[in-house]
Amino acid sequence: MAKNKIKLRRKLIDESALERHRNYGLLLQQHQRAQRRKKTKQIFIYALVVAVVTVLLLIVASFFIVKWEKERELKRNPTIPHTEIKK
């Protein structure tokens, strides 16, 4: 093996890398917690988006239903056309 390759391998193993491998269980727990937080955040955001879209759809639907009911009522009970009152 060439001297350069040996030097490169020595540089790969430093104190922080060794410390991470010694506490692999702790590192794995931190990773799992981070993954759970990320998943929980995604679920919360998706639920919020679904709720907002549902509320908007309900508002639009109620607007059209009210409009349709008013038109239906006007067709059922035609009123006398408005006449201008002259002063």
N, C-alpha and C. Protein backbone atom coordinates (compact mmCIF):
# COMPACT_ATOMS: atom_id res chain seq x y z
N MET A 1 0.84 -1.16 0.00
CA MET A 1 0.00 0.00 0.00
C MET A 1 0.89 1.24 0.00
N ALA A 2 0.56 2.21 -0.78
CA ALA A 2 1.37 3.42 -0.89
C ALA A 2 1.25 4.26 0.37
N LYS A 3 2.23 5.12 0.59
CA LYS A 3 2.22 5.97 1.77
C LYS A 3 1.04 6.93 1.76
N ASN A 4 0.67 7.41 0.58
CA ASN A 4 -0.45 8.36 0.49
C ASN A 4 -1.76 7.73 0.97
N LYS A 5 -1.99 6.48 0.60
CA LYS A 5 -3.22 5.81 1.01
C LYS A 5 -3.26 5.62 2.52
N ILE A 6 -2.13 5.30 3.11
CA ILE A 6 -2.07 5.12 4.57
C ILE A 6 -2.37 6.44 5.26
N LYS A 7 -1.83 7.55 4.76
CA LYS A 7 -2.08 8.86 5.35
C LYS A 7 -3.55 9.23 5.23
N LEU A 8 -4.16 8.93 4.08
CA LEU A 8 -5.57 9.24 3.89
C LEU A 8 -6.44 8.44 4.86
N ARG A 9 -6.11 7.19 5.08
CA ARG A 9 -6.88 6.38 6.02
C ARG A 9 -6.74 6.89 7.44
N ARG A 10 -5.58 7.35 7.81
CA ARG A 10 -5.38 7.89 9.15
C ARG A 10 -6.21 9.15 9.35
N LYS A 11 -6.34 9.95 8.29
CA LYS A 11 -7.12 11.19 8.41
C LYS A 11 -8.61 10.90 8.52
N LEU A 12 -9.09 9.79 7.98
CA LEU A 12 -10.51 9.48 8.06
C LEU A 12 -10.95 9.16 9.49
N ILE A 13 -10.08 8.57 10.27
CA ILE A 13 -10.42 8.21 11.65
C ILE A 13 -9.87 9.29 12.58
N ASP A 14 -10.76 10.17 13.00
CA ASP A 14 -10.36 11.19 13.96
C ASP A 14 -11.17 11.01 15.24
N GLU A 15 -10.98 11.88 16.20
CA GLU A 15 -11.64 11.74 17.50
C GLU A 15 -13.16 11.81 17.40
N SER A 16 -13.67 12.73 16.59
CA SER A 16 -15.13 12.88 16.50
C SER A 16 -15.76 11.64 15.86
N ALA A 17 -15.09 11.07 14.87
CA ALA A 17 -15.60 9.87 14.23
C ALA A 17 -15.59 8.70 15.22
N LEU A 18 -14.52 8.58 15.99
CA LEU A 18 -14.44 7.52 16.98
C LEU A 18 -15.51 7.70 18.07
N GLU A 19 -15.73 8.93 18.48
CA GLU A 19 -16.73 9.20 19.52
C GLU A 19 -18.13 8.83 19.03
N ARG A 20 -18.41 9.13 17.77
CA ARG A 20 -19.72 8.78 17.21
C ARG A 20 -19.90 7.27 17.17
N HIS A 21 -18.85 6.54 16.86
CA HIS A 21 -18.97 5.09 16.80
C HIS A 21 -19.08 4.48 18.20
N ARG A 22 -18.47 5.10 19.18
CA ARG A 22 -18.58 4.60 20.54
C ARG A 22 -20.00 4.76 21.06
N ASN A 23 -20.63 5.89 20.73
CA ASN A 23 -21.98 6.17 21.18
C ASN A 23 -22.98 5.93 20.06
N TYR A 24 -22.84 4.82 19.38
CA TYR A 24 -23.71 4.54 18.24
C TYR A 24 -25.17 4.40 18.67
N GLY A 25 -25.39 3.83 19.83
CA GLY A 25 -26.76 3.69 20.33
C GLY A 25 -27.41 5.04 20.55
N LEU A 26 -26.67 5.95 21.14
CA LEU A 26 -27.18 7.31 21.36
C LEU A 26 -27.42 8.02 20.03
N LEU A 27 -26.49 7.84 19.11
CA LEU A 27 -26.64 8.45 17.79
C LEU A 27 -27.86 7.89 17.07
N LEU A 28 -28.10 6.61 17.20
CA LEU A 28 -29.26 5.97 16.58
C LEU A 28 -30.56 6.47 17.20
N GLN A 29 -30.58 6.66 18.51
CA GLN A 29 -31.77 7.20 19.18
C GLN A 29 -32.06 8.62 18.72
N GLN A 30 -31.02 9.43 18.59
CA GLN A 30 -31.21 10.81 18.12
C GLN A 30 -31.75 10.81 16.70
N HIS A 31 -31.25 9.92 15.88
CA HIS A 31 -31.72 9.82 14.50
C HIS A 31 -33.20 9.41 14.46
N GLN A 32 -33.57 8.44 15.28
CA GLN A 32 -34.96 7.99 15.31
C GLN A 32 -35.88 9.11 15.80
N ARG A 33 -35.45 9.86 16.82
CA ARG A 33 -36.25 11.00 17.30
C ARG A 33 -36.42 12.04 16.21
N ALA A 34 -35.35 12.32 15.49
CA ALA A 34 -35.42 13.30 14.41
C ALA A 34 -36.37 12.83 13.31
N GLN A 35 -36.32 11.53 12.99
CA GLN A 35 -37.22 10.99 11.98
C GLN A 35 -38.68 11.09 12.43
N ARG A 36 -38.94 10.79 13.72
CA ARG A 36 -40.31 10.89 14.23
C ARG A 36 -40.82 12.32 14.19
N ARG A 37 -39.96 13.28 14.58
CA ARG A 37 -40.35 14.69 14.52
C ARG A 37 -40.67 15.11 13.09
N LYS A 38 -39.84 14.68 12.17
CA LYS A 38 -40.05 15.02 10.77
C LYS A 38 -41.36 14.44 10.27
N LYS A 39 -41.63 13.18 10.60
CA LYS A 39 -42.87 12.51 10.17
C LYS A 39 -44.09 13.19 10.81
N THR A 40 -43.99 13.52 12.10
CA THR A 40 -45.09 14.19 12.80
C THR A 40 -45.35 15.56 12.18
N LYS A 41 -44.30 16.26 11.86
CA LYS A 41 -44.44 17.58 11.23
C LYS A 41 -45.12 17.45 9.88
N GLN A 42 -44.74 16.47 9.09
CA GLN A 42 -45.36 16.26 7.78
C GLN A 42 -46.85 15.94 7.92
N ILE A 43 -47.19 15.06 8.85
CA ILE A 43 -48.58 14.69 9.06
C ILE A 43 -49.39 15.91 9.49
N PHE A 44 -48.84 16.71 10.40
CA PHE A 44 -49.53 17.91 10.87
C PHE A 44 -49.77 18.88 9.72
N ILE A 45 -48.76 19.09 8.89
CA ILE A 45 -48.90 20.02 7.76
C ILE A 45 -49.93 19.50 6.76
N TYR A 46 -49.89 18.20 6.46
CA TYR A 46 -50.87 17.64 5.53
C TYR A 46 -52.28 17.76 6.09
N ALA A 47 -52.46 17.49 7.38
CA ALA A 47 -53.79 17.62 8.00
C ALA A 47 -54.26 19.06 7.95
N LEU A 48 -53.36 19.99 8.18
CA LEU A 48 -53.71 21.41 8.13
C LEU A 48 -54.12 21.82 6.72
N VAL A 49 -53.40 21.35 5.73
CA VAL A 49 -53.73 21.67 4.34
C VAL A 49 -55.09 21.08 3.96
N VAL A 50 -55.34 19.84 4.37
CA VAL A 50 -56.63 19.21 4.08
C VAL A 50 -57.76 19.98 4.76
N ALA A 51 -57.55 20.41 5.99
CA ALA A 51 -58.57 21.18 6.71
C ALA A 51 -58.87 22.50 6.02
N VAL A 52 -57.82 23.20 5.60
CA VAL A 52 -58.01 24.49 4.93
C VAL A 52 -58.75 24.30 3.60
N VAL A 53 -58.36 23.31 2.83
CA VAL A 53 -59.02 23.05 1.55
C VAL A 53 -60.48 22.68 1.77
N THR A 54 -60.75 21.87 2.79
CA THR A 54 -62.13 21.47 3.09
C THR A 54 -62.97 22.68 3.47
N VAL A 55 -62.44 23.55 4.30
CA VAL A 55 -63.17 24.76 4.71
C VAL A 55 -63.44 25.64 3.49
N LEU A 56 -62.46 25.80 2.65
CA LEU A 56 -62.67 26.63 1.45
C LEU A 56 -63.73 26.02 0.53
N LEU A 57 -63.70 24.71 0.36
CA LEU A 57 -64.72 24.05 -0.46
C LEU A 57 -66.11 24.22 0.15
N LEU A 58 -66.21 24.12 1.46
CA LEU A 58 -67.51 24.32 2.12
C LEU A 58 -68.02 25.75 1.94
N ILE A 59 -67.13 26.72 2.03
CA ILE A 59 -67.53 28.12 1.83
C ILE A 59 -68.03 28.33 0.41
N VAL A 60 -67.30 27.84 -0.56
CA VAL A 60 -67.70 27.99 -1.97
C VAL A 60 -69.01 27.26 -2.22
N ALA A 61 -69.15 26.06 -1.69
CA ALA A 61 -70.38 25.29 -1.89
C ALA A 61 -71.57 26.00 -1.26
N SER A 62 -71.40 26.53 -0.06
CA SER A 62 -72.51 27.23 0.59
C SER A 62 -72.89 28.49 -0.19
N PHE A 63 -71.91 29.16 -0.75
CA PHE A 63 -72.20 30.35 -1.56
C PHE A 63 -73.08 29.98 -2.75
N PHE A 64 -72.72 28.92 -3.44
CA PHE A 64 -73.50 28.52 -4.61
C PHE A 64 -74.87 27.98 -4.21
N ILE A 65 -74.97 27.29 -3.09
CA ILE A 65 -76.27 26.79 -2.63
C ILE A 65 -77.19 27.94 -2.29
N VAL A 66 -76.69 28.96 -1.59
CA VAL A 66 -77.50 30.13 -1.26
C VAL A 66 -77.92 30.84 -2.53
N LYS A 67 -77.01 30.99 -3.45
CA LYS A 67 -77.34 31.65 -4.71
C LYS A 67 -78.42 30.88 -5.46
N TRP A 68 -78.29 29.56 -5.51
CA TRP A 68 -79.25 28.71 -6.20
C TRP A 68 -80.62 28.79 -5.53
N GLU A 69 -80.65 28.78 -4.18
CA GLU A 69 -81.91 28.88 -3.45
C GLU A 69 -82.61 30.22 -3.69
N LYS A 70 -81.85 31.30 -3.76
CA LYS A 70 -82.44 32.61 -4.02
C LYS A 70 -83.07 32.65 -5.42
N GLU A 71 -82.36 32.11 -6.40
CA GLU A 71 -82.90 32.07 -7.77
C GLU A 71 -84.16 31.21 -7.82
N ARG A 72 -84.14 30.10 -7.11
CA ARG A 72 -85.30 29.21 -7.09
C ARG A 72 -86.50 29.89 -6.42
N GLU A 73 -86.25 30.60 -5.36
CA GLU A 73 -87.31 31.32 -4.66
C GLU A 73 -87.89 32.42 -5.53
N LEU A 74 -87.04 33.13 -6.25
CA LEU A 74 -87.52 34.19 -7.14
C LEU A 74 -88.37 33.61 -8.27
N LYS A 75 -88.01 32.45 -8.77
CA LYS A 75 -88.80 31.81 -9.82
C LYS A 75 -90.15 31.33 -9.29
N ARG A 76 -90.16 30.87 -8.06
CA ARG A 76 -91.38 30.35 -7.46
C ARG A 76 -92.37 31.48 -7.13
N ASN A 77 -91.90 32.57 -6.59
CA ASN A 77 -92.74 33.70 -6.20
C ASN A 77 -92.32 34.95 -6.95
N PRO A 78 -92.78 35.11 -8.18
CA PRO A 78 -92.39 36.31 -8.91
C PRO A 78 -93.05 37.53 -8.26
N THR A 79 -92.29 38.54 -8.06
CA THR A 79 -92.80 39.76 -7.43
C THR A 79 -93.09 40.80 -8.49
N ILE A 80 -93.82 41.81 -8.10
CA ILE A 80 -94.13 42.91 -9.01
C ILE A 80 -92.84 43.66 -9.27
N PRO A 81 -92.59 43.97 -10.54
CA PRO A 81 -91.35 44.70 -10.81
C PRO A 81 -91.33 46.02 -10.07
N HIS A 82 -90.18 46.39 -9.66
CA HIS A 82 -90.04 47.64 -8.92
C HIS A 82 -90.36 48.83 -9.82
N THR A 83 -91.17 49.71 -9.31
CA THR A 83 -91.48 50.94 -10.06
C THR A 83 -90.84 52.10 -9.33
N GLU A 84 -90.37 53.02 -10.08
CA GLU A 84 -89.74 54.19 -9.48
C GLU A 84 -90.83 55.09 -8.90
N ILE A 85 -90.56 55.60 -7.73
CA ILE A 85 -91.49 56.53 -7.10
C ILE A 85 -91.03 57.93 -7.46
N LYS A 86 -91.95 58.70 -8.09
CA LYS A 86 -91.60 60.05 -8.51
C LYS A 86 -91.96 61.00 -7.37
N LYS A 87 -91.10 61.92 -7.09
CA LYS A 87 -91.35 62.90 -6.04
C LYS A 87 -91.86 64.19 -6.60
